[in-house]
Amino acid sequence: MTTKASTKKVGDQFESKSLGILNKIIEEERLGHLAEYLKIFPQKEYYSHLRKANIIFDLAIEVWPPGATRYTLLYLIECKDYDKRVPVGEIEKFLLKIQQVSGVNVKGIFITNSPLQKGGFNIAESVGMMVIQGESSENFKIILHKTNRGSVTDRIPFIKETYDATLLDEGVQLIEKGIDKKILSILQESTDGVKVSYGIDRLSREDVTQKAEFELNKINPRILADAYTLNPNSLNEYLRKEYEIDLVDLDGSSDLLGSCDILNNRIGLSRSIKGTSRELFVLAHEFGHFILHQKLSIGQTQYEAFEDSQYNFRTNKYELTNPKHWIEWQANCFASSLVLPKAPFLARVWRCQETIGMRQGPVYLDDQSQNRKDFNELVKKLAYVFSVSKTSVIHKLEEMEYINDQSRLKSIGRIIDEYKSEFFT
C-alpha cells in the first residue's frame, strides 16, 4: 500500500533530480565570465509584504550587473511531483508567489513530471511562464518556451507583468542571453541518447499492484482484510464520487469494449458487455489507464500503428516490446490486482477447492479427463465469485504460478489460446 511517507519520498527524489539538471549552471567552468554576475540559491526565501512572511522557492538565480545595488533580473524555479495532471491551482499558486515577491524582470520556470490541466497550461502560456515536463522519470522536455519578445528559440520568456525593458541595458541583456542559452542547452543535454518514452513510466508489477491496493483500501478496506469481492456497481460509484469520472455508453458502431478519456474525466463501456462477466474487468482496466497514464503523450493513430503483444508459449508470458504493449500490460495488471487481489483470491481458491473435493494448493493439470474437469469447475466457480471471465481467472492463476502444468500434449498457454470459446466466456 502506498503511504504518504513513500509518496513524499518519490516526490523528493523527482525534485532533487530535476533541480539537479538546472544546478549544473552553478559549475563556473560552464558559465565562464557570467559566474561573477550571478547569485544562485536553493530554497531561497523572499519577503512578501502581502503575507508579512517569507516565501520559499526551490531555486532562485539572481543577476547582479557590475556596480548594481540589487539584482535586475531574477529566475524563480519551482518543481512539483504529481501522479496525475497538475491542477490549475498549482500554476496559479506559483504565479501568485512570483507576483508577491518578484519586483521586475522575472523568469518563472515550472518543472513537473505530469501534463498540466488545460486551465493551468493556458495561464502559463498567457503570462509567459516556462514549463518543463518530465515525460517519465528518465526524460524531460520543454512544453512552454516561446519568449514574449518574439519567437526566438534560444531565450526564456519573462513573466509579462514584470517585464521592464528600461532596466535591461546591453550588458544585462548579454548576461541574460548567456544564462538562457546555458539553461536550454543543459536541458537539451539531459534528453540526448534517451529513448522516447511517450510518457510511460516502466512500472513493475509490484508498483502497479501497490497503486491498485491503495485504491481498493479507499473503496472498501474489507476487500483486502476479509476477502470481500468487488462488483461493477461499487466500482462505478467510487469512480464517480472519488474522481468525478463520467461513465458513458460507447457508440454501438465501435468495436471497442472500453475507452478512457483522461482529459475529460470520462470512461466508456460497450453496451455489449454490460451485465456480463467482462464488465468489471474492462471497467477496472480503463480505470487503470486513468490512474497510470495521466502523462501519456502518444496519439491514437501512432498507438494503433504498434502491433499487439504476442503470447510466448515457451515463457507463458506476453512480450513487451513497444509502447502499446507496456500501456496495455500495465492496465491489465492494475485491473487484475483490483478485481482479483492476491490474498482474497488465494483464500477463495482454497475454499472452492474444498467444495469440489480438490486438494488445497497449486492446481495440478495434466491430460487426465478428471483433472481437466476439476480445473474447469474451479475456474468456473472463481469466475462467478469474483464477477469476472474465466480468462481472467486462468491468467491470475498463471501469474501467481498456481498451476502445476504437467500436460504432455499442450501447455496451459496453448489450452487458453485454443479453447477460447470454453474458457473465455
Protein backbone atom coordinates (compact mmCIF):
# COMPACT_ATOMS: atom_id res chain seq x y z
CA MET A 1 0.00 0.00 0.00
CA THR A 2 1.30 3.44 -0.93
CA THR A 3 1.74 5.70 2.10
CA LYS A 4 2.12 9.44 2.45
CA ALA A 5 5.73 8.90 3.51
CA SER A 6 6.56 6.85 0.41
CA THR A 7 4.76 9.35 -1.82
CA LYS A 8 6.79 12.19 -0.29
CA LYS A 9 10.00 10.22 -0.83
CA VAL A 10 9.22 9.78 -4.52
CA GLY A 11 8.38 13.49 -4.79
CA ASP A 12 11.63 14.49 -3.10
CA GLN A 13 13.59 12.25 -5.46
CA PHE A 14 11.93 13.79 -8.51
CA GLU A 15 12.54 17.34 -7.29
CA SER A 16 16.16 16.59 -6.43
CA LYS A 17 16.80 15.03 -9.83
CA SER A 18 15.09 17.72 -11.90
CA LEU A 19 16.62 20.62 -9.96
CA GLY A 20 19.95 18.90 -10.36
CA ILE A 21 19.67 19.46 -14.10
CA LEU A 22 19.45 23.22 -13.60
CA ASN A 23 22.01 23.20 -10.82
CA LYS A 24 24.60 22.34 -13.44
CA ILE A 25 24.74 26.03 -14.28
CA ILE A 26 26.40 26.58 -10.89
CA GLU A 27 29.54 24.99 -12.30
CA GLU A 28 31.68 28.04 -13.00
CA GLU A 29 33.62 26.42 -15.79
CA ARG A 30 30.40 26.14 -17.77
CA LEU A 31 29.47 29.79 -17.21
CA GLY A 32 32.87 31.36 -17.70
CA HIS A 33 32.76 35.13 -17.24
CA LEU A 34 29.00 35.04 -16.39
CA ALA A 35 29.56 33.47 -12.98
CA GLU A 36 30.63 36.69 -11.29
CA TYR A 37 27.26 38.31 -12.06
CA LEU A 38 25.14 35.52 -10.58
CA LYS A 39 23.95 34.54 -7.13
CA ILE A 40 22.31 31.12 -7.03
CA PHE A 41 20.21 29.96 -4.07
CA PRO A 42 18.45 26.64 -3.39
CA GLN A 43 15.38 27.07 -1.13
CA LYS A 44 15.68 30.86 -1.30
CA GLU A 45 13.35 32.96 0.89
CA TYR A 46 11.87 36.26 -0.34
CA TYR A 47 9.74 38.53 1.83
CA SER A 48 6.08 39.03 0.91
CA HIS A 49 4.51 42.27 2.18
CA LEU A 50 1.10 40.76 1.46
CA ARG A 51 1.71 37.70 3.62
CA LYS A 52 4.04 39.52 6.01
CA ALA A 53 6.20 36.41 5.83
CA ASN A 54 8.84 34.82 3.66
CA ILE A 55 8.03 32.73 0.58
CA ILE A 56 10.42 29.93 -0.36
CA PHE A 57 11.32 28.98 -3.94
CA ASP A 58 13.05 25.72 -4.86
CA LEU A 59 15.77 27.53 -6.80
CA ALA A 60 16.49 31.21 -7.44
CA ILE A 61 19.08 32.79 -9.75
CA GLU A 62 19.74 36.49 -9.25
CA VAL A 63 21.61 38.58 -11.85
CA TRP A 64 23.69 41.42 -10.38
CA PRO A 65 25.35 43.65 -13.03
CA PRO A 66 28.64 45.39 -12.15
CA GLY A 67 28.08 48.09 -9.54
CA ALA A 68 24.38 47.29 -9.03
CA THR A 69 22.83 47.70 -5.58
CA ARG A 70 20.31 44.92 -6.22
CA TYR A 71 19.57 42.28 -8.83
CA THR A 72 17.97 43.44 -12.08
CA LEU A 73 16.93 40.04 -13.35
CA LEU A 74 15.55 37.06 -11.42
CA TYR A 75 14.92 33.41 -12.31
CA LEU A 76 12.46 31.66 -9.97
CA ILE A 77 12.14 27.89 -10.32
CA GLU A 78 9.58 25.54 -8.78
CA CYS A 79 9.42 21.75 -9.06
CA LYS A 80 6.30 19.65 -8.41
CA ASP A 81 5.85 15.87 -8.36
CA TYR A 82 2.38 14.68 -9.45
CA ASP A 83 0.96 11.29 -10.39
CA LYS A 84 -1.89 12.92 -12.32
CA ARG A 85 -2.39 16.09 -14.35
CA VAL A 86 -1.13 19.15 -12.50
CA PRO A 87 -4.13 21.08 -11.10
CA VAL A 88 -4.63 24.62 -12.36
CA GLY A 89 -4.26 25.76 -8.74
CA GLU A 90 -0.55 24.86 -8.71
CA ILE A 91 0.18 27.20 -11.61
CA GLU A 92 -1.96 29.92 -10.02
CA LYS A 93 -0.12 29.45 -6.71
CA PHE A 94 3.32 29.70 -8.36
CA LEU A 95 2.26 32.83 -10.26
CA LEU A 96 0.87 34.41 -7.09
CA LYS A 97 4.12 33.72 -5.23
CA ILE A 98 6.06 35.39 -8.03
CA GLN A 99 3.73 38.40 -8.02
CA GLN A 100 4.16 38.88 -4.28
CA VAL A 101 7.95 38.95 -4.15
CA SER A 102 9.43 39.47 -7.55
CA GLY A 103 9.57 43.13 -8.49
CA VAL A 104 10.61 43.34 -12.15
CA ASN A 105 12.10 41.17 -14.89
CA VAL A 106 11.31 37.72 -13.57
CA LYS A 107 11.56 34.46 -15.47
CA GLY A 108 9.37 31.76 -13.96
CA ILE A 109 10.25 28.12 -14.64
CA PHE A 110 7.84 25.39 -13.53
CA ILE A 111 9.13 21.78 -13.61
CA THR A 112 6.72 18.88 -13.27
CA ASN A 113 6.51 15.18 -14.09
CA SER A 114 2.92 15.35 -15.41
CA PRO A 115 0.98 17.34 -18.01
CA LEU A 116 -0.83 20.49 -16.92
CA GLN A 117 -4.59 20.69 -16.84
CA LYS A 118 -5.84 22.82 -19.71
CA GLY A 119 -6.57 25.83 -17.48
CA GLY A 120 -3.08 25.75 -15.98
CA PHE A 121 -1.48 25.47 -19.41
CA ASN A 122 -3.47 28.49 -20.63
CA ILE A 123 -2.41 30.59 -17.62
CA ALA A 124 1.26 29.66 -18.00
CA GLU A 125 1.15 30.44 -21.70
CA SER A 126 -0.64 33.77 -21.14
CA VAL A 127 1.77 35.12 -18.54
CA GLY A 128 4.98 33.84 -20.14
CA MET A 129 5.87 31.05 -17.75
CA MET A 130 8.29 28.38 -18.95
CA VAL A 131 7.07 24.82 -18.32
CA ILE A 132 9.36 21.79 -18.32
CA GLN A 133 7.72 18.39 -18.16
CA GLY A 134 9.28 15.06 -17.31
CA GLU A 135 7.97 12.65 -19.95
CA SER A 136 8.85 9.91 -17.50
CA SER A 137 11.21 9.51 -14.57
CA GLU A 138 14.08 9.40 -17.10
CA ASN A 139 13.31 12.15 -19.59
CA PHE A 140 12.40 15.85 -19.76
CA LYS A 141 11.04 18.12 -22.46
CA ILE A 142 10.23 21.83 -22.72
CA ILE A 143 6.47 22.39 -23.06
CA LEU A 144 6.22 26.20 -22.96
CA HIS A 145 9.21 28.16 -24.08
CA LYS A 146 8.26 30.91 -26.54
CA THR A 147 9.65 34.30 -25.49
CA ASN A 148 7.33 37.29 -25.12
CA ARG A 149 9.74 39.34 -27.21
CA GLY A 150 9.28 37.21 -30.31
CA SER A 151 9.66 33.62 -31.42
CA VAL A 152 13.41 33.29 -30.82
CA THR A 153 14.03 29.80 -29.52
CA ASP A 154 17.20 30.43 -27.50
CA ARG A 155 15.57 32.70 -24.88
CA ILE A 156 13.40 32.07 -21.84
CA PRO A 157 10.35 34.38 -21.56
CA PHE A 158 9.71 36.92 -18.80
CA ILE A 159 6.57 36.84 -16.68
CA LYS A 160 4.83 39.52 -18.72
CA GLU A 161 3.62 41.83 -15.97
CA THR A 162 7.14 42.04 -14.51
CA TYR A 163 8.87 42.97 -17.75
CA ASP A 164 10.63 46.38 -17.75
CA ALA A 165 12.94 46.89 -20.72
CA THR A 166 14.40 50.08 -19.22
CA LEU A 167 16.30 48.02 -16.65
CA LEU A 168 17.79 45.71 -19.25
CA ASP A 169 20.72 47.59 -20.72
CA GLU A 170 23.02 45.98 -23.25
CA GLY A 171 25.24 44.47 -20.57
CA VAL A 172 22.34 42.83 -18.70
CA GLN A 173 20.90 41.53 -21.97
CA LEU A 174 24.20 39.85 -22.79
CA ILE A 175 24.24 38.18 -19.36
CA GLU A 176 20.59 37.15 -19.77
CA LYS A 177 21.23 35.66 -23.20
CA GLY A 178 24.21 33.69 -21.89
CA ILE A 179 22.26 32.24 -18.94
CA ASP A 180 19.24 31.35 -21.09
CA LYS A 181 21.47 29.62 -23.59
CA LYS A 182 23.17 27.59 -20.85
CA ILE A 183 19.89 26.53 -19.21
CA LEU A 184 18.35 25.49 -22.53
CA SER A 185 21.47 23.66 -23.66
CA ILE A 186 21.65 21.76 -20.36
CA LEU A 187 18.00 20.72 -20.71
CA GLN A 188 18.75 19.55 -24.24
CA GLU A 189 21.73 17.56 -22.99
CA SER A 190 19.52 15.82 -20.43
CA THR A 191 17.48 14.21 -23.21
CA ASP A 192 20.34 13.18 -25.51
CA GLY A 193 20.51 9.43 -26.02
CA VAL A 194 17.28 8.81 -24.08
CA LYS A 195 14.78 6.62 -25.87
CA VAL A 196 11.41 8.29 -26.47
CA SER A 197 9.19 7.24 -23.57
CA TYR A 198 5.79 8.59 -24.70
CA GLY A 199 5.17 9.46 -21.05
CA ILE A 200 5.16 5.80 -19.98
CA ASP A 201 6.84 5.03 -16.68
CA ARG A 202 8.26 1.49 -16.66
CA LEU A 203 6.39 0.40 -13.56
CA SER A 204 6.97 -3.09 -12.22
CA ARG A 205 4.14 -5.48 -11.35
CA GLU A 206 4.74 -4.64 -7.67
CA ASP A 207 4.48 -0.90 -8.40
CA VAL A 208 1.18 -1.35 -10.24
CA THR A 209 -0.19 -3.69 -7.57
CA GLN A 210 0.56 -1.13 -4.84
CA LYS A 211 -1.40 1.51 -6.73
CA ALA A 212 -4.35 -0.86 -7.16
CA GLU A 213 -4.35 -1.87 -3.48
CA PHE A 214 -4.23 1.80 -2.48
CA GLU A 215 -7.47 2.33 -4.44
CA LEU A 216 -9.03 -0.86 -3.04
CA ASN A 217 -8.48 0.29 0.52
CA LYS A 218 -10.32 3.50 -0.29
CA ILE A 219 -13.18 1.63 -1.96
CA ASN A 220 -13.62 -0.86 0.90
CA PRO A 221 -10.84 -1.89 3.34
CA ARG A 222 -12.60 -5.21 3.96
CA ILE A 223 -11.82 -6.40 0.42
CA LEU A 224 -8.18 -6.94 1.33
CA ALA A 225 -8.69 -7.61 5.03
CA ASP A 226 -11.64 -10.04 4.92
CA ALA A 227 -11.60 -11.40 1.35
CA TYR A 228 -14.62 -9.40 0.23
CA THR A 229 -15.11 -9.05 -3.53
CA LEU A 230 -15.55 -6.01 -5.76
CA ASN A 231 -18.52 -5.57 -8.09
CA PRO A 232 -19.25 -3.22 -11.02
CA ASN A 233 -21.76 -1.12 -9.07
CA SER A 234 -19.40 -0.33 -6.17
CA LEU A 235 -16.57 0.49 -8.61
CA ASN A 236 -18.89 2.70 -10.66
CA GLU A 237 -19.96 4.61 -7.56
CA TYR A 238 -16.34 5.03 -6.42
CA LEU A 239 -15.20 6.39 -9.78
CA ARG A 240 -17.98 8.97 -9.76
CA LYS A 241 -17.52 10.12 -6.18
CA GLU A 242 -13.74 9.95 -5.79
CA TYR A 243 -12.59 11.03 -9.25
CA GLU A 244 -15.73 12.62 -10.73
CA ILE A 245 -15.41 10.30 -13.71
CA ASP A 246 -18.30 10.41 -16.15
CA LEU A 247 -19.29 6.84 -17.11
CA VAL A 248 -20.83 6.64 -20.58
CA ASP A 249 -22.01 4.02 -23.08
CA LEU A 250 -19.84 3.63 -26.15
CA ASP A 251 -21.35 4.11 -29.56
CA GLY A 252 -22.76 0.83 -30.81
CA SER A 253 -20.81 1.18 -34.05
CA SER A 254 -17.48 0.98 -32.20
CA ASP A 255 -15.57 -2.28 -31.83
CA LEU A 256 -14.09 -1.07 -28.53
CA LEU A 257 -15.14 -2.77 -25.31
CA GLY A 258 -13.90 0.18 -23.24
CA SER A 259 -12.25 3.58 -23.55
CA CYS A 260 -10.62 6.11 -21.25
CA ASP A 261 -10.63 9.86 -21.96
CA ILE A 262 -8.28 11.21 -19.28
CA LEU A 263 -8.50 14.83 -20.38
CA ASN A 264 -12.29 14.91 -19.97
CA ASN A 265 -12.57 12.51 -16.99
CA ARG A 266 -14.62 10.01 -18.97
CA ILE A 267 -14.69 6.21 -19.16
CA GLY A 268 -16.80 4.46 -21.76
CA LEU A 269 -18.03 0.85 -21.82
CA SER A 270 -19.64 -1.04 -24.67
CA ARG A 271 -23.30 -1.86 -24.12
CA SER A 272 -22.49 -5.40 -25.27
CA ILE A 273 -20.62 -6.21 -22.03
CA LYS A 274 -22.95 -4.50 -19.56
CA GLY A 275 -24.20 -7.09 -17.08
CA THR A 276 -21.77 -9.75 -18.33
CA SER A 277 -18.70 -11.32 -16.71
CA ARG A 278 -16.48 -8.99 -18.74
CA GLU A 279 -17.88 -5.70 -17.42
CA LEU A 280 -15.93 -5.48 -14.15
CA PHE A 281 -12.52 -6.32 -15.60
CA VAL A 282 -12.90 -3.96 -18.57
CA LEU A 283 -14.04 -1.15 -16.25
CA ALA A 284 -11.06 -1.81 -13.96
CA HIS A 285 -8.75 -1.89 -17.00
CA GLU A 286 -9.91 1.56 -18.13
CA PHE A 287 -9.59 2.83 -14.56
CA GLY A 288 -6.02 1.52 -14.69
CA HIS A 289 -5.36 3.74 -17.71
CA PHE A 290 -6.80 6.70 -15.79
CA ILE A 291 -4.53 6.11 -12.78
CA LEU A 292 -1.35 5.04 -14.56
CA HIS A 293 -1.31 7.00 -17.80
CA GLN A 294 -2.04 10.61 -16.91
CA LYS A 295 1.27 11.61 -18.55
CA LEU A 296 0.75 9.68 -21.77
CA SER A 297 1.92 11.54 -24.87
CA ILE A 298 1.10 9.25 -27.78
CA GLY A 299 -1.56 9.89 -30.40
CA GLN A 300 -4.29 7.35 -31.21
CA THR A 301 -3.04 6.84 -34.77
CA GLN A 302 0.52 6.28 -33.57
CA TYR A 303 -0.73 3.96 -30.82
CA GLU A 304 -2.74 1.82 -33.24
CA ALA A 305 0.25 1.53 -35.58
CA PHE A 306 2.06 -0.60 -32.99
CA GLU A 307 1.42 -4.34 -33.15
CA ASP A 308 -0.39 -6.15 -30.36
CA SER A 309 1.66 -8.14 -27.89
CA GLN A 310 2.18 -11.80 -28.76
CA TYR A 311 1.95 -14.61 -26.25
CA ASN A 312 5.23 -16.52 -25.84
CA PHE A 313 4.28 -20.16 -25.23
CA ARG A 314 7.80 -21.02 -24.09
CA THR A 315 7.76 -18.48 -21.23
CA ASN A 316 3.96 -18.32 -20.79
CA LYS A 317 4.19 -14.53 -20.93
CA TYR A 318 3.28 -11.71 -23.28
CA GLU A 319 6.21 -9.99 -24.99
CA LEU A 320 6.55 -6.28 -24.10
CA THR A 321 8.49 -4.71 -26.96
CA ASN A 322 6.68 -1.46 -27.83
CA PRO A 323 4.76 1.32 -26.04
CA LYS A 324 1.37 -0.26 -26.74
CA HIS A 325 2.47 -3.48 -25.04
CA TRP A 326 3.57 -1.61 -21.90
CA ILE A 327 0.44 0.53 -21.76
CA GLU A 328 -1.93 -2.43 -22.04
CA TRP A 329 0.11 -4.71 -19.78
CA GLN A 330 0.09 -2.09 -17.03
CA ALA A 331 -3.67 -1.55 -17.34
CA ASN A 332 -4.30 -5.31 -17.27
CA CYS A 333 -2.01 -5.76 -14.27
CA PHE A 334 -3.87 -2.96 -12.46
CA ALA A 335 -7.26 -4.49 -13.30
CA SER A 336 -6.17 -7.94 -12.15
CA SER A 337 -4.84 -6.55 -8.86
CA LEU A 338 -8.05 -4.57 -8.35
CA VAL A 339 -10.67 -7.24 -9.08
CA LEU A 340 -8.59 -10.31 -8.16
CA PRO A 341 -6.34 -9.13 -5.31
CA LYS A 342 -3.83 -11.82 -4.41
CA ALA A 343 -4.69 -12.63 -0.78
CA PRO A 344 -8.51 -12.67 -1.14
CA PHE A 345 -8.17 -14.58 -4.42
CA LEU A 346 -5.97 -17.24 -2.83
CA ALA A 347 -8.40 -17.62 0.09
CA ARG A 348 -11.26 -18.16 -2.35
CA VAL A 349 -9.22 -20.67 -4.37
CA TRP A 350 -8.75 -22.81 -1.26
CA ARG A 351 -12.44 -22.53 -0.36
CA CYS A 352 -13.56 -23.53 -3.85
CA GLN A 353 -11.08 -26.42 -3.98
CA GLU A 354 -12.56 -27.73 -0.75
CA THR A 355 -16.14 -27.57 -2.06
CA ILE A 356 -15.34 -29.63 -5.16
CA GLY A 357 -13.12 -32.13 -3.38
CA MET A 358 -9.76 -30.94 -4.71
CA ARG A 359 -6.56 -30.87 -2.70
CA GLN A 360 -5.79 -27.35 -1.49
CA GLY A 361 -2.74 -25.79 -3.11
CA PRO A 362 -1.39 -25.27 -6.62
CA VAL A 363 -3.69 -26.78 -9.25
CA TYR A 364 -2.34 -29.97 -10.83
CA LEU A 365 -3.21 -30.09 -14.51
CA ASP A 366 -2.32 -32.95 -16.83
CA ASP A 367 -4.01 -34.85 -19.66
CA GLN A 368 -6.39 -36.88 -17.46
CA SER A 369 -10.03 -36.02 -18.06
CA GLN A 370 -10.91 -35.82 -14.33
CA ASN A 371 -8.12 -33.35 -13.57
CA ARG A 372 -9.13 -31.21 -16.53
CA LYS A 373 -12.77 -31.38 -15.40
CA ASP A 374 -11.80 -30.29 -11.86
CA PHE A 375 -9.72 -27.46 -13.29
CA ASN A 376 -12.61 -26.24 -15.40
CA GLU A 377 -15.01 -26.44 -12.43
CA LEU A 378 -12.62 -24.49 -10.20
CA VAL A 379 -12.19 -21.77 -12.80
CA LYS A 380 -15.96 -21.57 -13.31
CA LYS A 381 -16.64 -21.12 -9.58
CA LEU A 382 -13.92 -18.48 -9.12
CA ALA A 383 -15.17 -16.55 -12.14
CA TYR A 384 -18.66 -16.48 -10.61
CA VAL A 385 -17.44 -15.41 -7.16
CA PHE A 386 -15.34 -12.52 -8.49
CA SER A 387 -17.73 -11.49 -11.31
CA VAL A 388 -15.07 -11.89 -14.00
CA SER A 389 -14.48 -14.10 -17.03
CA LYS A 390 -12.80 -17.50 -16.90
CA THR A 391 -9.95 -15.99 -18.88
CA SER A 392 -9.17 -13.53 -16.10
CA VAL A 393 -9.15 -16.32 -13.52
CA ILE A 394 -6.81 -18.54 -15.53
CA HIS A 395 -4.36 -15.70 -16.13
CA LYS A 396 -4.43 -14.85 -12.42
CA LEU A 397 -3.63 -18.45 -11.50
CA GLU A 398 -0.80 -18.39 -14.03
CA GLU A 399 0.52 -15.06 -12.74
CA MET A 400 0.63 -16.48 -9.21
CA GLU A 401 2.34 -19.64 -10.51
CA TYR A 402 -0.55 -21.62 -9.08
CA ILE A 403 -0.93 -24.08 -11.97
CA ASN A 404 1.29 -27.14 -11.96
CA ASP A 405 1.13 -27.84 -15.68
CA GLN A 406 2.14 -31.43 -16.38
CA SER A 407 0.35 -31.85 -19.68
CA ARG A 408 2.47 -33.56 -22.32
CA LEU A 409 0.12 -32.64 -25.10
CA LYS A 410 -0.43 -28.91 -24.60
CA SER A 411 0.87 -26.21 -22.28
CA ILE A 412 -1.60 -24.11 -20.32
CA GLY A 413 -0.81 -21.28 -22.73
CA ARG A 414 -1.97 -23.31 -25.70
CA ILE A 415 -5.02 -24.53 -23.81
CA ILE A 416 -6.02 -20.92 -23.16
CA ASP A 417 -5.34 -19.91 -26.76
CA GLU A 418 -7.06 -22.86 -28.47
CA TYR A 419 -10.11 -23.19 -26.26
CA LYS A 420 -11.19 -19.56 -26.08
CA SER A 421 -14.82 -20.49 -26.60
CA GLU A 422 -14.66 -22.65 -23.47
CA PHE A 423 -12.51 -20.57 -21.16
CA PHE A 424 -13.03 -17.01 -22.36
CA THR A 425 -16.74 -16.65 -21.63
